[in-house]
Amino acid sequence: MQIDTVNQPTAVLTRKPDGTEKNVGPDSVSSTKNNTAPTKPNFANMTQSDLFNWANEKAKAGELSPKEMWSFSYLAMDIPVGKELSAEDLRPDDAKLINFFDKVQDGIRGAISNDDSETKQRLESVLSIMKREQQGQINLSV
């Protein structure tokens, strides 16, 4: 899969642990909720918290169903395989930017190879939502 991003600055509204919100991203400036213009997410270059915060805001606004919210929540986590899960494992790693388009495509390929039509359908729905939300910012070719 090849992804060519358009050179448009993207900022993402995130909620900090203290409850305040700010824009983060290239050339972004801190702002409050009241004076923040809506921005489109950049799913090809986000942190785990960015994705989770975006999905949470969409769910609160009624734009994502609970099932869709869970799909995005799972996508935003790195769940280790082969060891007991701890609270530390569920903390987001915001030190790295992730291409969630690639992550979803990998999941779809895995679902196909495991003959898991339910997961494939769920991830295809997530991919469709991501493409719709980022409309005009990215060109995908598989």
Protein backbone atom coordinates (compact mmCIF):
# COMPACT_ATOMS: atom_id res chain seq x y z
CA MET A 1 0.00 0.00 0.00
CA GLN A 2 1.29 3.43 -0.89
CA ILE A 3 0.15 6.55 0.89
CA ASP A 4 0.82 10.02 -0.43
CA THR A 5 -0.18 12.74 1.96
CA VAL A 6 -1.04 16.19 0.76
CA ASN A 7 1.09 18.90 2.33
CA GLN A 8 -1.62 20.46 4.44
CA PRO A 9 -0.96 21.15 8.09
CA THR A 10 -3.18 19.07 10.30
CA ALA A 11 -3.97 19.71 13.92
CA VAL A 12 -5.81 17.38 16.24
CA LEU A 13 -7.78 18.43 19.29
CA THR A 14 -6.64 16.40 22.28
CA ARG A 15 -7.80 16.27 25.86
CA LYS A 16 -5.07 16.35 28.48
CA PRO A 17 -5.41 14.44 31.78
CA ASP A 18 -6.33 17.65 33.59
CA GLY A 19 -9.40 18.04 31.32
CA THR A 20 -8.10 20.95 29.23
CA GLU A 21 -7.96 20.66 25.48
CA LYS A 22 -5.35 21.72 22.96
CA ASN A 23 -4.48 21.38 19.30
CA VAL A 24 -1.40 19.34 18.49
CA GLY A 25 0.22 18.77 15.16
CA PRO A 26 2.39 20.57 12.64
CA ASP A 27 2.34 24.32 13.14
CA SER A 28 -0.52 24.07 15.63
CA VAL A 29 -1.11 26.49 18.42
CA SER A 30 -2.65 25.88 21.79
CA SER A 31 -6.26 26.89 22.03
CA THR A 32 -9.31 26.32 24.13
CA LYS A 33 -12.41 24.41 23.12
CA ASN A 34 -14.37 27.61 22.48
CA ASN A 35 -12.03 29.10 19.89
CA THR A 36 -10.82 25.95 18.14
CA ALA A 37 -11.82 25.62 14.51
CA PRO A 38 -12.77 22.09 13.47
CA THR A 39 -9.85 20.22 11.97
CA LYS A 40 -9.63 17.01 10.01
CA PRO A 41 -7.67 14.14 11.54
CA ASN A 42 -4.54 12.85 9.87
CA PHE A 43 -4.90 9.10 10.34
CA ALA A 44 -1.61 8.53 8.51
CA ASN A 45 0.30 10.42 11.20
CA MET A 46 -1.31 10.27 14.67
CA THR A 47 -0.48 9.12 18.16
CA GLN A 48 -2.58 6.54 19.95
CA SER A 49 -4.07 9.24 22.18
CA ASP A 50 -4.89 11.41 19.17
CA LEU A 51 -6.93 8.57 17.66
CA PHE A 52 -8.65 7.72 20.93
CA ASN A 53 -9.50 11.38 21.64
CA TRP A 54 -10.85 11.87 18.12
CA ALA A 55 -13.04 8.75 18.37
CA ASN A 56 -14.24 9.73 21.85
CA GLU A 57 -15.33 13.19 20.64
CA LYS A 58 -17.12 11.66 17.63
CA ALA A 59 -18.91 9.17 19.90
CA LYS A 60 -19.97 11.94 22.30
CA ALA A 61 -21.37 13.89 19.35
CA GLY A 62 -23.33 10.82 18.23
CA GLU A 63 -21.27 10.46 15.06
CA LEU A 64 -19.90 7.01 15.99
CA SER A 65 -21.94 4.09 17.24
CA PRO A 66 -20.75 2.30 20.40
CA LYS A 67 -19.53 -0.58 18.23
CA GLU A 68 -17.55 1.81 16.02
CA MET A 69 -16.12 3.52 19.10
CA TRP A 70 -14.88 0.17 20.42
CA SER A 71 -13.28 -0.59 17.06
CA PHE A 72 -11.35 2.69 17.14
CA SER A 73 -10.45 2.16 20.80
CA TYR A 74 -8.95 -1.25 20.07
CA LEU A 75 -7.11 0.22 17.09
CA ALA A 76 -5.58 2.85 19.39
CA MET A 77 -4.12 0.22 21.75
CA ASP A 78 -1.09 -2.02 21.46
CA ILE A 79 -2.12 -5.24 23.14
CA PRO A 80 0.85 -7.56 23.74
CA VAL A 81 0.65 -11.16 22.65
CA GLY A 82 1.93 -13.99 24.78
CA LYS A 83 2.02 -12.30 28.17
CA GLU A 84 -0.39 -11.31 30.88
CA LEU A 85 -1.96 -7.93 30.22
CA SER A 86 -1.17 -5.16 32.70
CA ALA A 87 -2.44 -1.59 33.13
CA GLU A 88 0.93 -0.36 31.86
CA ASP A 89 0.35 -2.19 28.58
CA LEU A 90 -2.82 -0.19 28.00
CA ARG A 91 -1.20 3.22 28.41
CA PRO A 92 -0.82 4.92 25.03
CA ASP A 93 2.65 5.35 23.60
CA ASP A 94 2.51 8.93 22.40
CA ALA A 95 6.22 9.07 21.63
CA LYS A 96 5.57 7.70 18.14
CA LEU A 97 3.28 8.65 15.30
CA ILE A 98 1.36 5.78 13.73
CA ASN A 99 -0.09 5.30 10.27
CA PHE A 100 -3.50 3.92 11.24
CA PHE A 101 -4.40 3.35 7.58
CA ASP A 102 -1.57 0.78 7.45
CA LYS A 103 -2.65 -0.71 10.77
CA VAL A 104 -6.24 -1.20 9.55
CA GLN A 105 -5.07 -2.65 6.22
CA ASP A 106 -2.85 -5.12 8.11
CA GLY A 107 -5.83 -6.08 10.26
CA ILE A 108 -8.02 -6.64 7.20
CA ARG A 109 -5.35 -8.87 5.64
CA GLY A 110 -5.07 -10.80 8.93
CA ALA A 111 -8.85 -11.24 9.12
CA ILE A 112 -8.92 -12.55 5.54
CA SER A 113 -6.10 -15.03 6.23
CA ASN A 114 -7.91 -16.20 9.39
CA ASP A 115 -11.26 -16.42 7.56
CA ASP A 116 -12.71 -13.97 10.11
CA SER A 117 -15.46 -12.21 8.17
CA GLU A 118 -16.81 -10.33 11.21
CA THR A 119 -13.46 -8.68 11.96
CA LYS A 120 -12.88 -7.99 8.27
CA GLN A 121 -16.26 -6.27 8.00
CA ARG A 122 -15.65 -4.24 11.19
CA LEU A 123 -12.23 -3.08 9.98
CA GLU A 124 -13.56 -2.23 6.52
CA SER A 125 -16.16 -0.06 8.25
CA VAL A 126 -13.40 1.66 10.27
CA LEU A 127 -11.40 2.23 7.08
CA SER A 128 -14.45 3.72 5.38
CA ILE A 129 -15.00 6.12 8.30
CA MET A 130 -11.33 7.11 8.29
CA LYS A 131 -11.36 7.84 4.55
CA ARG A 132 -14.58 9.87 4.88
CA GLU A 133 -13.24 11.90 7.80
CA GLN A 134 -9.91 12.64 6.13
CA GLN A 135 -11.56 13.35 2.78
CA GLY A 136 -9.36 15.28 0.40
CA GLN A 137 -6.21 15.09 2.51
CA ILE A 138 -4.81 11.77 1.41
CA ASN A 139 -4.58 9.64 -1.70
CA LEU A 140 -4.64 5.87 -1.08
CA SER A 141 -3.51 3.29 -3.59
CA VAL A 142 -3.43 -0.34 -2.62
